[in-house]
N, C-alpha and C. Protein backbone atom coordinates (compact mmCIF):
# COMPACT_ATOMS: atom_id res chain seq x y z
N MET A 1 154.17 -89.91 -148.73
CA MET A 1 155.32 -90.51 -149.40
C MET A 1 155.62 -91.87 -148.76
N SER A 2 155.81 -92.87 -149.58
CA SER A 2 156.15 -94.20 -149.08
C SER A 2 157.66 -94.30 -148.87
N LEU A 3 158.09 -95.36 -148.19
CA LEU A 3 159.51 -95.56 -147.96
C LEU A 3 160.25 -95.76 -149.28
N SER A 4 159.65 -96.49 -150.20
CA SER A 4 160.31 -96.71 -151.50
C SER A 4 160.45 -95.40 -152.27
N GLU A 5 159.45 -94.54 -152.18
CA GLU A 5 159.53 -93.23 -152.85
C GLU A 5 160.60 -92.36 -152.21
N LEU A 6 160.67 -92.40 -150.88
CA LEU A 6 161.69 -91.63 -150.17
C LEU A 6 163.09 -92.08 -150.59
N LYS A 7 163.30 -93.39 -150.65
CA LYS A 7 164.61 -93.91 -151.04
C LYS A 7 164.94 -93.53 -152.48
N GLU A 8 163.93 -93.49 -153.33
CA GLU A 8 164.15 -93.10 -154.72
C GLU A 8 164.61 -91.65 -154.82
N VAL A 9 163.98 -90.78 -154.04
CA VAL A 9 164.37 -89.37 -154.04
C VAL A 9 165.80 -89.21 -153.50
N ILE A 10 166.11 -89.96 -152.46
CA ILE A 10 167.46 -89.90 -151.89
C ILE A 10 168.50 -90.36 -152.90
N GLU A 11 168.19 -91.39 -153.65
CA GLU A 11 169.11 -91.88 -154.69
C GLU A 11 169.38 -90.81 -155.73
N ILE A 12 168.36 -90.04 -156.08
CA ILE A 12 168.53 -88.95 -157.05
C ILE A 12 169.48 -87.90 -156.48
N ALA A 13 169.27 -87.55 -155.20
CA ALA A 13 170.14 -86.56 -154.55
C ALA A 13 171.59 -87.04 -154.52
N GLU A 14 171.78 -88.31 -154.18
CA GLU A 14 173.13 -88.86 -154.12
C GLU A 14 173.77 -88.91 -155.50
N LYS A 15 172.99 -89.27 -156.49
CA LYS A 15 173.51 -89.38 -157.86
C LYS A 15 174.02 -88.04 -158.36
N HIS A 16 173.31 -86.96 -158.02
CA HIS A 16 173.68 -85.63 -158.51
C HIS A 16 174.49 -84.84 -157.48
N ASP A 17 174.83 -85.48 -156.37
CA ASP A 17 175.64 -84.86 -155.32
C ASP A 17 175.04 -83.54 -154.84
N VAL A 18 173.75 -83.58 -154.52
CA VAL A 18 173.06 -82.40 -153.99
C VAL A 18 172.48 -82.75 -152.62
N TRP A 19 172.19 -81.71 -151.84
CA TRP A 19 171.61 -81.92 -150.52
C TRP A 19 170.10 -82.03 -150.62
N LEU A 20 169.55 -82.92 -149.83
CA LEU A 20 168.11 -83.10 -149.77
C LEU A 20 167.63 -82.69 -148.38
N LEU A 21 166.82 -81.64 -148.33
CA LEU A 21 166.26 -81.15 -147.07
C LEU A 21 164.83 -81.64 -146.94
N ILE A 22 164.54 -82.38 -145.88
CA ILE A 22 163.21 -82.96 -145.70
C ILE A 22 162.59 -82.45 -144.40
N ASP A 23 161.42 -81.84 -144.53
CA ASP A 23 160.68 -81.34 -143.37
C ASP A 23 159.86 -82.49 -142.80
N GLU A 24 160.18 -82.91 -141.59
CA GLU A 24 159.51 -84.04 -140.96
C GLU A 24 158.62 -83.62 -139.79
N THR A 25 158.15 -82.37 -139.86
CA THR A 25 157.34 -81.83 -138.77
C THR A 25 156.09 -82.67 -138.51
N TYR A 26 155.51 -83.25 -139.57
CA TYR A 26 154.28 -84.03 -139.42
C TYR A 26 154.53 -85.53 -139.35
N ARG A 27 155.78 -85.93 -139.30
CA ARG A 27 156.12 -87.36 -139.41
C ARG A 27 155.38 -88.24 -138.41
N ASP A 28 155.31 -87.83 -137.16
CA ASP A 28 154.69 -88.66 -136.12
C ASP A 28 153.17 -88.72 -136.22
N MET A 29 152.59 -87.95 -137.14
CA MET A 29 151.14 -88.00 -137.32
C MET A 29 150.71 -89.14 -138.23
N PHE A 30 151.64 -89.68 -139.00
CA PHE A 30 151.29 -90.76 -139.92
C PHE A 30 151.11 -92.06 -139.14
N LYS A 31 150.04 -92.78 -139.43
CA LYS A 31 149.73 -94.00 -138.70
C LYS A 31 149.98 -95.25 -139.55
N ASP A 32 149.71 -95.15 -140.86
CA ASP A 32 149.84 -96.32 -141.72
C ASP A 32 151.29 -96.75 -141.89
N GLU A 33 152.15 -95.77 -142.13
CA GLU A 33 153.56 -96.07 -142.36
C GLU A 33 154.40 -94.90 -141.86
N VAL A 34 154.94 -95.02 -140.66
CA VAL A 34 155.81 -93.97 -140.13
C VAL A 34 157.20 -94.21 -140.69
N LEU A 35 157.66 -93.27 -141.50
CA LEU A 35 158.95 -93.42 -142.15
C LEU A 35 160.10 -93.21 -141.16
N PRO A 36 161.25 -93.80 -141.43
CA PRO A 36 162.42 -93.53 -140.59
C PRO A 36 162.85 -92.08 -140.78
N VAL A 37 163.60 -91.56 -139.83
CA VAL A 37 164.17 -90.22 -140.00
C VAL A 37 165.02 -90.27 -141.27
N ALA A 38 164.70 -89.42 -142.22
CA ALA A 38 165.33 -89.51 -143.54
C ALA A 38 166.84 -89.37 -143.48
N ALA A 39 167.32 -88.55 -142.55
CA ALA A 39 168.77 -88.33 -142.44
C ALA A 39 169.51 -89.60 -142.03
N SER A 40 168.78 -90.57 -141.47
CA SER A 40 169.42 -91.83 -141.08
C SER A 40 169.71 -92.71 -142.28
N LEU A 41 169.18 -92.33 -143.45
CA LEU A 41 169.32 -93.16 -144.64
C LEU A 41 170.45 -92.72 -145.56
N SER A 42 170.98 -91.51 -145.35
CA SER A 42 172.00 -91.02 -146.27
C SER A 42 172.74 -89.82 -145.68
N ASP A 43 174.01 -89.69 -146.05
CA ASP A 43 174.80 -88.52 -145.64
C ASP A 43 174.39 -87.26 -146.40
N LYS A 44 173.59 -87.40 -147.44
CA LYS A 44 173.19 -86.25 -148.26
C LYS A 44 171.83 -85.69 -147.85
N VAL A 45 171.30 -86.15 -146.72
CA VAL A 45 169.97 -85.71 -146.29
C VAL A 45 170.07 -84.92 -144.99
N ILE A 46 169.30 -83.83 -144.94
CA ILE A 46 169.14 -83.05 -143.71
C ILE A 46 167.66 -83.13 -143.33
N SER A 47 167.38 -83.68 -142.16
CA SER A 47 166.01 -83.75 -141.65
C SER A 47 165.77 -82.58 -140.70
N VAL A 48 164.62 -81.95 -140.81
CA VAL A 48 164.26 -80.88 -139.88
C VAL A 48 162.89 -81.20 -139.28
N SER A 49 162.71 -80.84 -138.03
CA SER A 49 161.44 -81.06 -137.36
C SER A 49 161.28 -80.07 -136.22
N SER A 50 160.14 -80.12 -135.56
CA SER A 50 159.88 -79.19 -134.46
C SER A 50 158.75 -79.73 -133.60
N LEU A 51 158.45 -78.99 -132.55
CA LEU A 51 157.33 -79.34 -131.66
C LEU A 51 156.07 -78.54 -132.01
N SER A 52 156.11 -77.81 -133.12
CA SER A 52 155.02 -76.89 -133.44
C SER A 52 153.76 -77.58 -133.93
N LYS A 53 153.88 -78.63 -134.73
CA LYS A 53 152.71 -79.21 -135.40
C LYS A 53 152.15 -80.42 -134.67
N THR A 54 152.88 -81.53 -134.70
CA THR A 54 152.39 -82.76 -134.08
C THR A 54 152.09 -82.57 -132.61
N TYR A 55 152.93 -81.80 -131.93
CA TYR A 55 152.76 -81.62 -130.49
C TYR A 55 151.90 -80.40 -130.15
N GLY A 56 151.64 -79.56 -131.13
CA GLY A 56 150.73 -78.44 -130.93
C GLY A 56 151.23 -77.36 -129.99
N ILE A 57 152.55 -77.16 -129.93
CA ILE A 57 153.08 -76.11 -129.05
C ILE A 57 154.05 -75.21 -129.83
N PRO A 58 153.53 -74.48 -130.84
CA PRO A 58 154.40 -73.62 -131.65
C PRO A 58 154.97 -72.44 -130.87
N GLY A 59 154.32 -72.09 -129.76
CA GLY A 59 154.76 -70.91 -129.01
C GLY A 59 156.15 -71.02 -128.42
N ILE A 60 156.62 -72.24 -128.17
CA ILE A 60 157.94 -72.37 -127.54
C ILE A 60 159.08 -72.31 -128.57
N ARG A 61 158.75 -72.36 -129.85
CA ARG A 61 159.73 -72.18 -130.93
C ARG A 61 160.93 -73.11 -130.80
N ILE A 62 160.67 -74.39 -130.63
CA ILE A 62 161.76 -75.37 -130.52
C ILE A 62 161.71 -76.33 -131.71
N GLY A 63 162.85 -76.48 -132.36
CA GLY A 63 162.97 -77.41 -133.47
C GLY A 63 164.38 -77.95 -133.53
N TRP A 64 164.66 -78.80 -134.51
CA TRP A 64 165.98 -79.40 -134.59
C TRP A 64 166.28 -79.86 -136.01
N THR A 65 167.55 -80.09 -136.25
CA THR A 65 167.99 -80.68 -137.51
C THR A 65 168.76 -81.97 -137.20
N VAL A 66 168.73 -82.88 -138.15
CA VAL A 66 169.49 -84.13 -138.03
C VAL A 66 170.24 -84.33 -139.34
N CYS A 67 171.55 -84.57 -139.23
CA CYS A 67 172.36 -84.82 -140.42
C CYS A 67 173.58 -85.64 -140.03
N ARG A 68 173.97 -86.59 -140.85
CA ARG A 68 175.11 -87.44 -140.55
C ARG A 68 176.43 -86.80 -140.97
N ASN A 69 176.36 -85.68 -141.70
CA ASN A 69 177.56 -85.02 -142.19
C ASN A 69 178.06 -84.01 -141.15
N LYS A 70 179.25 -84.24 -140.59
CA LYS A 70 179.76 -83.39 -139.52
C LYS A 70 179.96 -81.95 -139.98
N LYS A 71 180.42 -81.76 -141.20
CA LYS A 71 180.67 -80.41 -141.70
C LYS A 71 179.37 -79.60 -141.74
N ILE A 72 178.31 -80.23 -142.21
CA ILE A 72 177.01 -79.55 -142.25
C ILE A 72 176.50 -79.27 -140.84
N ASN A 73 176.66 -80.24 -139.95
CA ASN A 73 176.23 -80.04 -138.56
C ASN A 73 176.95 -78.86 -137.93
N ASP A 74 178.25 -78.76 -138.14
CA ASP A 74 179.02 -77.65 -137.59
C ASP A 74 178.57 -76.32 -138.18
N LEU A 75 178.29 -76.33 -139.48
CA LEU A 75 177.83 -75.11 -140.15
C LEU A 75 176.48 -74.66 -139.61
N LEU A 76 175.57 -75.61 -139.41
CA LEU A 76 174.25 -75.28 -138.87
C LEU A 76 174.36 -74.76 -137.44
N LEU A 77 175.26 -75.34 -136.66
CA LEU A 77 175.45 -74.89 -135.28
C LEU A 77 175.98 -73.45 -135.26
N CYS A 78 176.92 -73.15 -136.14
CA CYS A 78 177.46 -71.78 -136.22
C CYS A 78 176.36 -70.80 -136.60
N ALA A 79 175.53 -71.18 -137.56
CA ALA A 79 174.44 -70.30 -137.98
C ALA A 79 173.45 -70.08 -136.84
N LYS A 80 173.15 -71.15 -136.11
CA LYS A 80 172.21 -71.05 -134.99
C LYS A 80 172.74 -70.10 -133.92
N GLU A 81 174.04 -70.18 -133.64
CA GLU A 81 174.62 -69.34 -132.60
C GLU A 81 174.63 -67.87 -132.98
N GLN A 82 174.56 -67.57 -134.27
CA GLN A 82 174.48 -66.18 -134.71
C GLN A 82 173.08 -65.62 -134.49
N VAL A 83 172.10 -66.51 -134.43
CA VAL A 83 170.71 -66.08 -134.23
C VAL A 83 170.35 -66.08 -132.75
N CYS A 84 170.70 -67.17 -132.07
CA CYS A 84 170.34 -67.31 -130.65
C CYS A 84 171.31 -68.29 -130.00
N ILE A 85 172.08 -67.83 -129.05
CA ILE A 85 173.09 -68.69 -128.42
C ILE A 85 172.44 -69.85 -127.68
N GLY A 86 171.39 -69.54 -126.94
CA GLY A 86 170.71 -70.58 -126.16
C GLY A 86 169.22 -70.32 -126.10
N GLY A 87 168.45 -71.38 -125.98
CA GLY A 87 167.01 -71.23 -125.90
C GLY A 87 166.56 -70.93 -124.48
N SER A 88 165.29 -70.59 -124.34
CA SER A 88 164.71 -70.34 -123.03
C SER A 88 164.66 -71.64 -122.23
N VAL A 89 165.11 -71.59 -120.98
CA VAL A 89 165.08 -72.77 -120.12
C VAL A 89 163.64 -73.24 -119.91
N VAL A 90 162.73 -72.30 -119.76
CA VAL A 90 161.31 -72.65 -119.57
C VAL A 90 160.78 -73.37 -120.81
N ASP A 91 161.07 -72.81 -121.99
CA ASP A 91 160.61 -73.44 -123.23
C ASP A 91 161.21 -74.84 -123.40
N GLU A 92 162.48 -74.97 -123.09
CA GLU A 92 163.13 -76.27 -123.23
C GLU A 92 162.54 -77.30 -122.25
N TYR A 93 162.14 -76.84 -121.08
CA TYR A 93 161.53 -77.76 -120.12
C TYR A 93 160.16 -78.22 -120.63
N ILE A 94 159.39 -77.29 -121.20
CA ILE A 94 158.10 -77.66 -121.78
C ILE A 94 158.31 -78.68 -122.90
N GLY A 95 159.32 -78.45 -123.72
CA GLY A 95 159.64 -79.39 -124.79
C GLY A 95 160.03 -80.76 -124.24
N TYR A 96 160.79 -80.75 -123.15
CA TYR A 96 161.19 -82.01 -122.51
C TYR A 96 159.97 -82.78 -122.02
N VAL A 97 159.04 -82.07 -121.39
CA VAL A 97 157.82 -82.72 -120.89
C VAL A 97 157.03 -83.33 -122.05
N ALA A 98 156.91 -82.56 -123.15
CA ALA A 98 156.16 -83.06 -124.30
C ALA A 98 156.79 -84.34 -124.86
N LEU A 99 158.09 -84.33 -125.03
CA LEU A 99 158.77 -85.50 -125.60
C LEU A 99 158.78 -86.69 -124.64
N SER A 100 158.86 -86.41 -123.34
CA SER A 100 158.87 -87.51 -122.37
C SER A 100 157.49 -88.15 -122.23
N GLN A 101 156.44 -87.43 -122.65
CA GLN A 101 155.07 -87.96 -122.62
C GLN A 101 154.54 -88.10 -124.05
N LYS A 102 155.42 -88.45 -124.95
CA LYS A 102 155.12 -88.44 -126.39
C LYS A 102 153.86 -89.22 -126.74
N VAL A 103 153.73 -90.43 -126.26
CA VAL A 103 152.60 -91.28 -126.64
C VAL A 103 151.28 -90.65 -126.21
N GLU A 104 151.19 -90.23 -124.95
CA GLU A 104 149.95 -89.64 -124.45
C GLU A 104 149.66 -88.30 -125.12
N TRP A 105 150.71 -87.52 -125.33
CA TRP A 105 150.57 -86.18 -125.92
C TRP A 105 150.01 -86.29 -127.34
N ILE A 106 150.62 -87.17 -128.13
CA ILE A 106 150.19 -87.31 -129.52
C ILE A 106 148.79 -87.92 -129.59
N LYS A 107 148.49 -88.85 -128.70
CA LYS A 107 147.16 -89.47 -128.69
C LYS A 107 146.08 -88.42 -128.49
N GLN A 108 146.31 -87.50 -127.56
CA GLN A 108 145.33 -86.44 -127.30
C GLN A 108 145.19 -85.51 -128.51
N ASN A 109 146.32 -85.13 -129.09
CA ASN A 109 146.27 -84.25 -130.26
C ASN A 109 145.63 -84.95 -131.45
N ASP A 110 145.91 -86.24 -131.60
CA ASP A 110 145.32 -87.01 -132.70
C ASP A 110 143.79 -87.00 -132.62
N ALA A 111 143.28 -87.13 -131.40
CA ALA A 111 141.82 -87.14 -131.22
C ALA A 111 141.21 -85.81 -131.64
N THR A 112 141.87 -84.72 -131.27
CA THR A 112 141.39 -83.40 -131.66
C THR A 112 141.42 -83.23 -133.17
N ILE A 113 142.53 -83.63 -133.78
CA ILE A 113 142.68 -83.47 -135.22
C ILE A 113 141.69 -84.34 -135.98
N ALA A 114 141.44 -85.55 -135.48
CA ALA A 114 140.47 -86.44 -136.13
C ALA A 114 139.08 -85.81 -136.14
N ASP A 115 138.73 -85.17 -135.03
CA ASP A 115 137.43 -84.49 -134.94
C ASP A 115 137.34 -83.36 -135.96
N ARG A 116 138.40 -82.54 -136.04
CA ARG A 116 138.40 -81.41 -136.98
C ARG A 116 138.44 -81.90 -138.43
N PHE A 117 139.19 -82.97 -138.66
CA PHE A 117 139.26 -83.52 -140.02
C PHE A 117 137.89 -83.97 -140.49
N ALA A 118 137.12 -84.57 -139.61
CA ALA A 118 135.77 -85.02 -139.97
C ALA A 118 134.91 -83.84 -140.40
N VAL A 119 135.09 -82.70 -139.75
CA VAL A 119 134.35 -81.49 -140.11
C VAL A 119 134.73 -81.04 -141.52
N VAL A 120 136.04 -81.02 -141.80
CA VAL A 120 136.51 -80.57 -143.11
C VAL A 120 136.06 -81.54 -144.21
N LYS A 121 136.15 -82.83 -143.93
CA LYS A 121 135.76 -83.83 -144.93
C LYS A 121 134.28 -83.73 -145.26
N LYS A 122 133.45 -83.55 -144.24
CA LYS A 122 132.02 -83.40 -144.47
C LYS A 122 131.74 -82.17 -145.32
N TRP A 123 132.48 -81.10 -145.04
CA TRP A 123 132.30 -79.85 -145.81
C TRP A 123 132.69 -80.04 -147.27
N ILE A 124 133.86 -80.62 -147.52
CA ILE A 124 134.34 -80.74 -148.90
C ILE A 124 133.45 -81.69 -149.70
N GLU A 125 132.91 -82.71 -149.05
CA GLU A 125 132.04 -83.66 -149.76
C GLU A 125 130.70 -83.03 -150.14
N SER A 126 130.31 -81.98 -149.43
CA SER A 126 129.05 -81.31 -149.74
C SER A 126 129.24 -80.10 -150.65
N GLU A 127 130.50 -79.80 -150.97
CA GLU A 127 130.83 -78.60 -151.74
C GLU A 127 130.77 -78.87 -153.25
N GLU A 128 129.98 -78.10 -153.96
CA GLU A 128 129.88 -78.28 -155.41
C GLU A 128 130.97 -77.52 -156.16
N ASN A 129 131.61 -76.56 -155.48
CA ASN A 129 132.60 -75.72 -156.16
C ASN A 129 134.05 -76.04 -155.78
N MET A 130 134.24 -76.92 -154.80
CA MET A 130 135.58 -77.21 -154.29
C MET A 130 135.89 -78.70 -154.44
N GLU A 131 137.19 -79.01 -154.48
CA GLU A 131 137.64 -80.40 -154.50
C GLU A 131 139.00 -80.49 -153.83
N TRP A 132 139.43 -81.71 -153.50
CA TRP A 132 140.72 -81.88 -152.85
C TRP A 132 141.29 -83.26 -153.10
N VAL A 133 142.55 -83.41 -152.76
CA VAL A 133 143.16 -84.73 -152.59
C VAL A 133 143.19 -84.94 -151.08
N GLU A 134 142.43 -85.91 -150.61
CA GLU A 134 142.28 -86.10 -149.17
C GLU A 134 143.62 -86.39 -148.51
N PRO A 135 144.00 -85.60 -147.50
CA PRO A 135 145.28 -85.84 -146.83
C PRO A 135 145.29 -87.13 -146.02
N ARG A 136 146.43 -87.77 -145.95
CA ARG A 136 146.57 -89.02 -145.20
C ARG A 136 146.90 -88.77 -143.74
N ALA A 137 147.38 -87.57 -143.43
CA ALA A 137 147.75 -87.25 -142.06
C ALA A 137 147.89 -85.74 -141.94
N ALA A 138 148.47 -85.30 -140.81
CA ALA A 138 148.73 -83.88 -140.54
C ALA A 138 147.44 -83.14 -140.20
N CYS A 139 147.51 -81.82 -140.16
CA CYS A 139 146.35 -81.02 -139.76
C CYS A 139 146.12 -79.87 -140.73
N THR A 140 146.51 -80.09 -141.98
CA THR A 140 146.26 -79.11 -143.03
C THR A 140 145.78 -79.84 -144.28
N CYS A 141 145.10 -79.11 -145.14
CA CYS A 141 144.70 -79.66 -146.43
C CYS A 141 144.87 -78.57 -147.49
N PHE A 142 144.78 -78.97 -148.75
CA PHE A 142 145.09 -78.04 -149.84
C PHE A 142 144.02 -78.17 -150.94
N PRO A 143 142.78 -77.82 -150.60
CA PRO A 143 141.71 -77.92 -151.61
C PRO A 143 141.84 -76.83 -152.66
N ARG A 144 141.04 -76.95 -153.69
CA ARG A 144 141.03 -75.91 -154.72
C ARG A 144 139.61 -75.69 -155.22
N ILE A 145 139.40 -74.52 -155.79
CA ILE A 145 138.17 -74.25 -156.50
C ILE A 145 138.26 -75.01 -157.82
N LYS A 146 137.24 -75.77 -158.15
CA LYS A 146 137.28 -76.62 -159.33
C LYS A 146 137.62 -75.81 -160.59
N PRO A 147 138.44 -76.36 -161.48
CA PRO A 147 138.87 -75.63 -162.68
C PRO A 147 137.72 -75.14 -163.54
N GLU A 148 136.63 -75.90 -163.57
CA GLU A 148 135.51 -75.53 -164.44
C GLU A 148 134.61 -74.45 -163.84
N VAL A 149 134.84 -74.10 -162.58
CA VAL A 149 134.03 -73.07 -161.93
C VAL A 149 134.52 -71.69 -162.35
N ASP A 150 133.65 -70.91 -162.97
CA ASP A 150 134.00 -69.57 -163.45
C ASP A 150 133.83 -68.59 -162.29
N VAL A 151 134.95 -68.18 -161.73
CA VAL A 151 134.90 -67.39 -160.50
C VAL A 151 135.97 -66.30 -160.52
N ASP A 152 135.68 -65.19 -159.86
CA ASP A 152 136.66 -64.12 -159.67
C ASP A 152 137.47 -64.47 -158.42
N VAL A 153 138.63 -65.06 -158.63
CA VAL A 153 139.42 -65.58 -157.51
C VAL A 153 139.86 -64.47 -156.57
N GLU A 154 140.24 -63.33 -157.13
CA GLU A 154 140.67 -62.22 -156.27
C GLU A 154 139.54 -61.77 -155.35
N LYS A 155 138.33 -61.79 -155.88
CA LYS A 155 137.17 -61.40 -155.07
C LYS A 155 136.93 -62.41 -153.96
N VAL A 156 137.17 -63.69 -154.24
CA VAL A 156 137.00 -64.72 -153.22
C VAL A 156 137.83 -64.39 -151.98
N TYR A 157 139.10 -64.08 -152.20
CA TYR A 157 139.98 -63.79 -151.07
C TYR A 157 139.61 -62.47 -150.39
N ARG A 158 139.19 -61.52 -151.20
CA ARG A 158 138.80 -60.22 -150.62
C ARG A 158 137.59 -60.38 -149.71
N LEU A 159 136.60 -61.15 -150.15
CA LEU A 159 135.42 -61.38 -149.32
C LEU A 159 135.77 -62.18 -148.07
N MET A 160 136.58 -63.21 -148.23
CA MET A 160 136.98 -64.01 -147.07
C MET A 160 137.63 -63.14 -146.00
N ASN A 161 138.56 -62.29 -146.44
CA ASN A 161 139.31 -61.48 -145.49
C ASN A 161 138.50 -60.32 -144.92
N GLU A 162 137.87 -59.56 -145.82
CA GLU A 162 137.26 -58.30 -145.40
C GLU A 162 135.83 -58.47 -144.88
N LYS A 163 135.06 -59.37 -145.48
CA LYS A 163 133.67 -59.54 -145.07
C LYS A 163 133.52 -60.57 -143.97
N TYR A 164 134.25 -61.68 -144.10
CA TYR A 164 134.04 -62.79 -143.17
C TYR A 164 135.15 -62.97 -142.13
N GLY A 165 136.26 -62.28 -142.31
CA GLY A 165 137.36 -62.43 -141.35
C GLY A 165 137.92 -63.84 -141.31
N THR A 166 137.96 -64.47 -142.47
CA THR A 166 138.47 -65.84 -142.59
C THR A 166 139.77 -65.82 -143.38
N TYR A 167 140.77 -66.52 -142.88
CA TYR A 167 142.09 -66.45 -143.50
C TYR A 167 142.62 -67.85 -143.82
N VAL A 168 143.10 -68.00 -145.05
CA VAL A 168 143.71 -69.24 -145.51
C VAL A 168 145.04 -68.89 -146.16
N GLY A 169 145.83 -69.90 -146.47
CA GLY A 169 147.08 -69.67 -147.21
C GLY A 169 146.80 -69.76 -148.70
N PRO A 170 146.82 -68.65 -149.43
CA PRO A 170 146.52 -68.70 -150.87
C PRO A 170 147.54 -69.52 -151.64
N GLY A 171 147.08 -70.10 -152.74
CA GLY A 171 147.91 -71.02 -153.50
C GLY A 171 149.24 -70.47 -153.96
N HIS A 172 149.31 -69.16 -154.25
CA HIS A 172 150.56 -68.62 -154.78
C HIS A 172 151.69 -68.66 -153.75
N TRP A 173 151.35 -68.81 -152.47
CA TRP A 173 152.40 -69.00 -151.47
C TRP A 173 153.18 -70.28 -151.74
N PHE A 174 152.54 -71.22 -152.42
CA PHE A 174 153.13 -72.54 -152.66
C PHE A 174 153.38 -72.77 -154.15
N GLU A 175 153.51 -71.65 -154.88
CA GLU A 175 153.78 -71.69 -156.32
C GLU A 175 152.69 -72.43 -157.09
N GLN A 176 151.45 -72.24 -156.64
CA GLN A 176 150.29 -72.81 -157.30
C GLN A 176 149.30 -71.69 -157.62
N SER A 177 148.30 -72.03 -158.40
CA SER A 177 147.24 -71.07 -158.70
C SER A 177 146.53 -70.66 -157.41
N LYS A 178 145.97 -69.45 -157.42
CA LYS A 178 145.22 -68.99 -156.25
C LYS A 178 143.91 -69.75 -156.07
N ARG A 179 143.56 -70.61 -157.02
CA ARG A 179 142.40 -71.46 -156.83
C ARG A 179 142.64 -72.44 -155.68
N TYR A 180 143.91 -72.72 -155.44
CA TYR A 180 144.26 -73.58 -154.31
C TYR A 180 144.32 -72.74 -153.04
N MET A 181 144.08 -73.38 -151.92
CA MET A 181 144.23 -72.69 -150.64
C MET A 181 144.61 -73.70 -149.56
N ARG A 182 145.48 -73.27 -148.70
CA ARG A 182 145.91 -74.13 -147.58
C ARG A 182 145.03 -73.82 -146.38
N ILE A 183 144.37 -74.84 -145.87
CA ILE A 183 143.48 -74.68 -144.72
C ILE A 183 144.05 -75.48 -143.56
N GLY A 184 144.30 -74.80 -142.46
CA GLY A 184 144.74 -75.48 -141.25
C GLY A 184 143.54 -75.73 -140.35
N TYR A 185 143.40 -76.97 -139.87
CA TYR A 185 142.23 -77.29 -139.05
C TYR A 185 142.60 -77.86 -137.69
N GLY A 186 143.85 -77.74 -137.30
CA GLY A 186 144.26 -78.25 -136.00
C GLY A 186 143.99 -77.28 -134.86
N TRP A 187 144.03 -75.99 -135.16
CA TRP A 187 143.93 -74.97 -134.11
C TRP A 187 142.51 -74.51 -133.81
N PRO A 188 141.66 -74.22 -134.82
CA PRO A 188 140.33 -73.66 -134.52
C PRO A 188 139.47 -74.62 -133.69
N LEU A 189 138.62 -74.04 -132.86
CA LEU A 189 137.62 -74.84 -132.17
C LEU A 189 136.61 -75.36 -133.18
N HIS A 190 135.84 -76.36 -132.79
CA HIS A 190 134.91 -77.03 -133.69
C HIS A 190 133.98 -76.03 -134.39
N ASP A 191 133.34 -75.16 -133.62
CA ASP A 191 132.39 -74.22 -134.22
C ASP A 191 133.09 -73.14 -135.03
N GLU A 192 134.30 -72.76 -134.61
CA GLU A 192 135.07 -71.78 -135.38
C GLU A 192 135.43 -72.34 -136.76
N LEU A 193 135.80 -73.60 -136.78
CA LEU A 193 136.16 -74.24 -138.05
C LEU A 193 134.95 -74.32 -138.97
N GLU A 194 133.81 -74.71 -138.44
CA GLU A 194 132.60 -74.78 -139.26
C GLU A 194 132.24 -73.42 -139.83
N ARG A 195 132.37 -72.37 -139.01
CA ARG A 195 132.09 -71.01 -139.47
C ARG A 195 133.04 -70.61 -140.58
N GLY A 196 134.32 -70.92 -140.40
CA GLY A 196 135.31 -70.56 -141.39
C GLY A 196 135.07 -71.25 -142.72
N LEU A 197 134.71 -72.53 -142.68
CA LEU A 197 134.45 -73.27 -143.91
C LEU A 197 133.21 -72.73 -144.62
N ARG A 198 132.19 -72.36 -143.86
CA ARG A 198 131.00 -71.74 -144.47
C ARG A 198 131.38 -70.43 -145.14
N SER A 199 132.29 -69.70 -144.52
CA SER A 199 132.72 -68.43 -145.09
C SER A 199 133.43 -68.63 -146.42
N ILE A 200 134.23 -69.69 -146.52
CA ILE A 200 134.89 -70.00 -147.79
C ILE A 200 133.83 -70.30 -148.86
N SER A 201 132.87 -71.15 -148.50
CA SER A 201 131.81 -71.50 -149.45
C SER A 201 131.05 -70.27 -149.91
N ASP A 202 130.68 -69.42 -148.96
CA ASP A 202 129.91 -68.22 -149.29
C ASP A 202 130.73 -67.26 -150.15
N SER A 203 132.02 -67.15 -149.86
CA SER A 203 132.88 -66.25 -150.63
C SER A 203 132.99 -66.71 -152.08
N VAL A 204 133.09 -68.02 -152.27
CA VAL A 204 133.16 -68.55 -153.64
C VAL A 204 131.84 -68.32 -154.37
N LYS A 205 130.73 -68.62 -153.71
CA LYS A 205 129.41 -68.45 -154.34
C LYS A 205 129.16 -67.00 -154.72
N GLU A 206 129.57 -66.08 -153.85
CA GLU A 206 129.33 -64.66 -154.11
C GLU A 206 130.28 -64.10 -155.16
N SER A 207 131.27 -64.89 -155.57
CA SER A 207 132.25 -64.43 -156.56
C SER A 207 132.09 -65.11 -157.91
N LEU A 208 131.05 -65.93 -158.06
CA LEU A 208 130.81 -66.59 -159.34
C LEU A 208 130.47 -65.56 -160.41
N LYS A 209 130.97 -65.80 -161.60
CA LYS A 209 130.72 -64.86 -162.71
C LYS A 209 129.42 -65.22 -163.43
């Protein structure tokens, strides 16, 4: 999303007096155009983020919200206190270290993600049954089985899970056809990722009608 597109969406929210919730977990991964924190642009925006994706430390379960509206901030704080009054001191210290070394931390993670992305791109370019819109950043992609490919989609997932032990996020999780699948490539090791992608290819081929 470009800055102009973001501002256009915010204008729509303001016009209709509705809240706009924007997940900025991957924001720092964008290199071409790092957008401002959306909540800084309007009182009708709530920005959410965490240390799980860009920083690669989901285990500490630390995230935050940003909003210029005091009433919403107070409401979110009350809700948070009903779930957990305070976070782990150890986890918060790890988060502090990550943020205080932000440039070095992200640089290292970027190198890992770039390596894994190259693996996924090479795979999709060689795939006759799959296609995608190439992601501009982050560590996930959302390819699909081509519409013209006659395939038993349910069998594809069954083979992936039961025969190959490969797991993706099926499209219906995102209100899309199961031909789509969300693939995360930030976590697996290089050879694990290659194996997983081969398993997807094999599952599709073995499910052709």
